[in-house]
PDB file of N, CA and C in Angstrom:
ATOM      1  N   MET A   1     -12.623  -5.878   3.780  1.00  0.00           N
ATOM      2  CA  MET A   1     -11.264  -5.791   3.280  1.00  0.00           C
ATOM      3  C   MET A   1     -10.438  -4.964   4.276  1.00  0.00           C
ATOM      4  N   ASP A   2      -9.339  -5.549   4.760  1.00  0.00           N
ATOM      5  CA  ASP A   2      -8.514  -4.797   5.704  1.00  0.00           C
ATOM      6  C   ASP A   2      -7.549  -3.880   4.947  1.00  0.00           C
ATOM      7  N   ALA A   3      -6.791  -3.089   5.700  1.00  0.00           N
ATOM      8  CA  ALA A   3      -5.909  -2.087   5.088  1.00  0.00           C
ATOM      9  C   ALA A   3      -4.861  -2.728   4.182  1.00  0.00           C
ATOM     10  N   LYS A   4      -4.289  -3.858   4.602  1.00  0.00           N
ATOM     11  CA  LYS A   4      -3.271  -4.520   3.773  1.00  0.00           C
ATOM     12  C   LYS A   4      -3.864  -4.959   2.440  1.00  0.00           C
ATOM     13  N   GLU A   5      -5.046  -5.542   2.482  1.00  0.00           N
ATOM     14  CA  GLU A   5      -5.704  -5.987   1.249  1.00  0.00           C
ATOM     15  C   GLU A   5      -6.035  -4.798   0.346  1.00  0.00           C
ATOM     16  N   LYS A   6      -6.470  -3.706   0.961  1.00  0.00           N
ATOM     17  CA  LYS A   6      -6.825  -2.520   0.185  1.00  0.00           C
ATOM     18  C   LYS A   6      -5.583  -1.902  -0.463  1.00  0.00           C
ATOM     19  N   VAL A   7      -4.463  -1.892   0.270  1.00  0.00           N
ATOM     20  CA  VAL A   7      -3.207  -1.373  -0.289  1.00  0.00           C
ATOM     21  C   VAL A   7      -2.791  -2.220  -1.483  1.00  0.00           C
ATOM     22  N   LEU A   8      -2.815  -3.539  -1.332  1.00  0.00           N
ATOM     23  CA  LEU A   8      -2.435  -4.429  -2.434  1.00  0.00           C
ATOM     24  C   LEU A   8      -3.360  -4.251  -3.635  1.00  0.00           C
ATOM     25  N   ALA A   9      -4.652  -4.160  -3.382  1.00  0.00           N
ATOM     26  CA  ALA A   9      -5.616  -3.995  -4.470  1.00  0.00           C
ATOM     27  C   ALA A   9      -5.380  -2.676  -5.206  1.00  0.00           C
ATOM     28  N   THR A  10      -5.093  -1.626  -4.465  1.00  0.00           N
ATOM     29  CA  THR A  10      -4.837  -0.318  -5.072  1.00  0.00           C
ATOM     30  C   THR A  10      -3.586  -0.361  -5.934  1.00  0.00           C
ATOM     31  N   MET A  11      -2.549  -1.029  -5.426  1.00  0.00           N
ATOM     32  CA  MET A  11      -1.299  -1.137  -6.185  1.00  0.00           C
ATOM     33  C   MET A  11      -1.509  -1.948  -7.465  1.00  0.00           C
ATOM     34  N   LYS A  12      -2.265  -3.024  -7.367  1.00  0.00           N
ATOM     35  CA  LYS A  12      -2.523  -3.857  -8.545  1.00  0.00           C
ATOM     36  C   LYS A  12      -3.330  -3.094  -9.589  1.00  0.00           C
ATOM     37  N   GLU A  13      -4.343  -2.356  -9.131  1.00  0.00           N
ATOM     38  CA  GLU A  13      -5.179  -1.577 -10.047  1.00  0.00           C
ATOM     39  C   GLU A  13      -4.372  -0.523 -10.786  1.00  0.00           C
ATOM     40  N   ALA A  14      -3.436   0.108 -10.077  1.00  0.00           N
ATOM     41  CA  ALA A  14      -2.645   1.184 -10.677  1.00  0.00           C
ATOM     42  C   ALA A  14      -1.702   0.644 -11.745  1.00  0.00           C
ATOM     43  N   GLY A  15      -1.172  -0.543 -11.517  1.00  0.00           N
ATOM     44  CA  GLY A  15      -0.279  -1.146 -12.493  1.00  0.00           C
ATOM     45  C   GLY A  15       1.067  -0.458 -12.613  1.00  0.00           C
ATOM     46  N   GLN A  16       1.402   0.343 -11.616  1.00  0.00           N
ATOM     47  CA  GLN A  16       2.688   1.038 -11.598  1.00  0.00           C
ATOM     48  C   GLN A  16       3.089   1.281 -10.150  1.00  0.00           C
ATOM     49  N   PRO A  17       4.360   1.560  -9.904  1.00  0.00           N
ATOM     50  CA  PRO A  17       4.792   1.824  -8.525  1.00  0.00           C
ATOM     51  C   PRO A  17       4.090   3.061  -7.963  1.00  0.00           C
ATOM     52  N   LEU A  18       3.688   2.961  -6.711  1.00  0.00           N
ATOM     53  CA  LEU A  18       3.024   4.074  -6.034  1.00  0.00           C
ATOM     54  C   LEU A  18       3.680   4.322  -4.689  1.00  0.00           C
ATOM     55  N   ASN A  19       3.725   5.585  -4.278  1.00  0.00           N
ATOM     56  CA  ASN A  19       4.199   5.877  -2.926  1.00  0.00           C
ATOM     57  C   ASN A  19       3.003   5.854  -1.971  1.00  0.00           C
ATOM     58  N   ALA A  20       3.295   5.909  -0.693  1.00  0.00           N
ATOM     59  CA  ALA A  20       2.241   5.793   0.320  1.00  0.00           C
ATOM     60  C   ALA A  20       1.195   6.895   0.187  1.00  0.00           C
ATOM     61  N   GLY A  21       1.626   8.101  -0.135  1.00  0.00           N
ATOM     62  CA  GLY A  21       0.688   9.209  -0.285  1.00  0.00           C
ATOM     63  C   GLY A  21      -0.303   8.974  -1.410  1.00  0.00           C
ATOM     64  N   LYS A  22       0.190   8.460  -2.522  1.00  0.00           N
ATOM     65  CA  LYS A  22      -0.683   8.191  -3.673  1.00  0.00           C
ATOM     66  C   LYS A  22      -1.629   7.030  -3.363  1.00  0.00           C
ATOM     67  N   ILE A  23      -1.128   6.012  -2.667  1.00  0.00           N
ATOM     68  CA  ILE A  23      -1.985   4.885  -2.277  1.00  0.00           C
ATOM     69  C   ILE A  23      -3.106   5.378  -1.366  1.00  0.00           C
ATOM     70  N   ALA A  24      -2.765   6.245  -0.417  1.00  0.00           N
ATOM     71  CA  ALA A  24      -3.777   6.793   0.489  1.00  0.00           C
ATOM     72  C   ALA A  24      -4.833   7.565  -0.299  1.00  0.00           C
ATOM     73  N   GLU A  25      -4.381   8.369  -1.251  1.00  0.00           N
ATOM     74  CA  GLU A  25      -5.301   9.165  -2.069  1.00  0.00           C
ATOM     75  C   GLU A  25      -6.241   8.277  -2.889  1.00  0.00           C
ATOM     76  N   LEU A  26      -5.689   7.256  -3.519  1.00  0.00           N
ATOM     77  CA  LEU A  26      -6.489   6.393  -4.390  1.00  0.00           C
ATOM     78  C   LEU A  26      -7.397   5.433  -3.620  1.00  0.00           C
ATOM     79  N   SER A  27      -6.943   4.978  -2.457  1.00  0.00           N
ATOM     80  CA  SER A  27      -7.692   3.972  -1.705  1.00  0.00           C
ATOM     81  C   SER A  27      -8.702   4.564  -0.729  1.00  0.00           C
ATOM     82  N   GLY A  28      -8.490   5.822  -0.357  1.00  0.00           N
ATOM     83  CA  GLY A  28      -9.354   6.437   0.637  1.00  0.00           C
ATOM     84  C   GLY A  28      -8.940   6.132   2.067  1.00  0.00           C
ATOM     85  N   LEU A  29      -7.830   5.406   2.226  1.00  0.00           N
ATOM     86  CA  LEU A  29      -7.318   5.102   3.558  1.00  0.00           C
ATOM     87  C   LEU A  29      -6.542   6.292   4.104  1.00  0.00           C
ATOM     88  N   ASP A  30      -6.412   6.351   5.423  1.00  0.00           N
ATOM     89  CA  ASP A  30      -5.581   7.347   6.072  1.00  0.00           C
ATOM     90  C   ASP A  30      -4.115   7.023   5.801  1.00  0.00           C
ATOM     91  N   ARG A  31      -3.284   8.039   5.670  1.00  0.00           N
ATOM     92  CA  ARG A  31      -1.858   7.831   5.365  1.00  0.00           C
ATOM     93  C   ARG A  31      -1.185   6.949   6.423  1.00  0.00           C
ATOM     94  N   LYS A  32      -1.549   7.112   7.688  1.00  0.00           N
ATOM     95  CA  LYS A  32      -0.949   6.292   8.752  1.00  0.00           C
ATOM     96  C   LYS A  32      -1.321   4.824   8.584  1.00  0.00           C
ATOM     97  N   GLU A  33      -2.559   4.561   8.162  1.00  0.00           N
ATOM     98  CA  GLU A  33      -2.987   3.182   7.898  1.00  0.00           C
ATOM     99  C   GLU A  33      -2.176   2.583   6.753  1.00  0.00           C
ATOM    100  N   VAL A  34      -1.955   3.383   5.709  1.00  0.00           N
ATOM    101  CA  VAL A  34      -1.185   2.920   4.554  1.00  0.00           C
ATOM    102  C   VAL A  34       0.248   2.621   4.973  1.00  0.00           C
ATOM    103  N   ASP A  35       0.856   3.520   5.742  1.00  0.00           N
ATOM    104  CA  ASP A  35       2.236   3.307   6.200  1.00  0.00           C
ATOM    105  C   ASP A  35       2.357   2.016   7.003  1.00  0.00           C
ATOM    106  N   ALA A  36       1.424   1.793   7.913  1.00  0.00           N
ATOM    107  CA  ALA A  36       1.460   0.584   8.745  1.00  0.00           C
ATOM    108  C   ALA A  36       1.258  -0.667   7.892  1.00  0.00           C
ATOM    109  N   ALA A  37       0.325  -0.612   6.965  1.00  0.00           N
ATOM    110  CA  ALA A  37       0.058  -1.762   6.097  1.00  0.00           C
ATOM    111  C   ALA A  37       1.262  -2.060   5.215  1.00  0.00           C
ATOM    112  N   MET A  38       1.887  -1.013   4.671  1.00  0.00           N
ATOM    113  CA  MET A  38       3.059  -1.214   3.812  1.00  0.00           C
ATOM    114  C   MET A  38       4.225  -1.802   4.605  1.00  0.00           C
ATOM    115  N   LYS A  39       4.383  -1.373   5.830  1.00  0.00           N
ATOM    116  CA  LYS A  39       5.450  -1.921   6.679  1.00  0.00           C
ATOM    117  C   LYS A  39       5.238  -3.422   6.880  1.00  0.00           C
ATOM    118  N   GLN A  40       4.004  -3.820   7.169  1.00  0.00           N
ATOM    119  CA  GLN A  40       3.688  -5.240   7.355  1.00  0.00           C
ATOM    120  C   GLN A  40       3.882  -6.020   6.062  1.00  0.00           C
ATOM    121  N   LEU A  41       3.434  -5.459   4.948  1.00  0.00           N
ATOM    122  CA  LEU A  41       3.563  -6.136   3.655  1.00  0.00           C
ATOM    123  C   LEU A  41       5.030  -6.314   3.263  1.00  0.00           C
ATOM    124  N   LYS A  42       5.864  -5.314   3.563  1.00  0.00           N
ATOM    125  CA  LYS A  42       7.302  -5.430   3.289  1.00  0.00           C
ATOM    126  C   LYS A  42       7.908  -6.536   4.136  1.00  0.00           C
ATOM    127  N   ALA A  43       7.531  -6.584   5.421  1.00  0.00           N
ATOM    128  CA  ALA A  43       8.061  -7.609   6.332  1.00  0.00           C
ATOM    129  C   ALA A  43       7.662  -9.012   5.876  1.00  0.00           C
ATOM    130  N   GLU A  44       6.481  -9.132   5.292  1.00  0.00           N
ATOM    131  CA  GLU A  44       5.985 -10.428   4.806  1.00  0.00           C
ATOM    132  C   GLU A  44       6.553 -10.784   3.431  1.00  0.00           C
ATOM    133  N   GLY A  45       7.216  -9.827   2.801  1.00  0.00           N
ATOM    134  CA  GLY A  45       7.763 -10.065   1.468  1.00  0.00           C
ATOM    135  C   GLY A  45       6.736  -9.936   0.355  1.00  0.00           C
ATOM    136  N   ALA A  46       5.564  -9.391   0.671  1.00  0.00           N
ATOM    137  CA  ALA A  46       4.500  -9.250  -0.328  1.00  0.00           C
ATOM    138  C   ALA A  46       4.773  -8.094  -1.288  1.00  0.00           C
ATOM    139  N   ILE A  47       5.496  -7.079  -0.799  1.00  0.00           N
ATOM    140  CA  ILE A  47       5.892  -5.957  -1.646  1.00  0.00           C
ATOM    141  C   ILE A  47       7.359  -5.653  -1.385  1.00  0.00           C
ATOM    142  N   VAL A  48       7.977  -4.975  -2.323  1.00  0.00           N
ATOM    143  CA  VAL A  48       9.365  -4.536  -2.155  1.00  0.00           C
ATOM    144  C   VAL A  48       9.431  -3.044  -2.404  1.00  0.00           C
ATOM    145  N   SER A  49      10.383  -2.417  -1.746  1.00  0.00           N
ATOM    146  CA  SER A  49      10.594  -0.990  -1.912  1.00  0.00           C
ATOM    147  C   SER A  49      11.949  -0.776  -2.569  1.00  0.00           C
ATOM    148  N   PRO A  50      12.016   0.084  -3.567  1.00  0.00           N
ATOM    149  CA  PRO A  50      13.292   0.313  -4.242  1.00  0.00           C
ATOM    150  C   PRO A  50      14.301   1.051  -3.371  1.00  0.00           C
ATOM    151  N   VAL A  51      13.865   1.600  -2.262  1.00  0.00           N
ATOM    152  CA  VAL A  51      14.768   2.358  -1.386  1.00  0.00           C
ATOM    153  C   VAL A  51      15.272   1.491  -0.263  1.00  0.00           C
TER     154      VAL A  51
END
């Protein structure tokens, strides 16, 4: 499972909006990995950010 898949899985499991720090904590990924994965997921339209 790559970082993007792990970020998505963590978000789905939580069932609520999460910030990058919380995703890193829950998934065990490094914060930089989470930030990069979230950037790619946003660009692909897989996730949206309220900000």
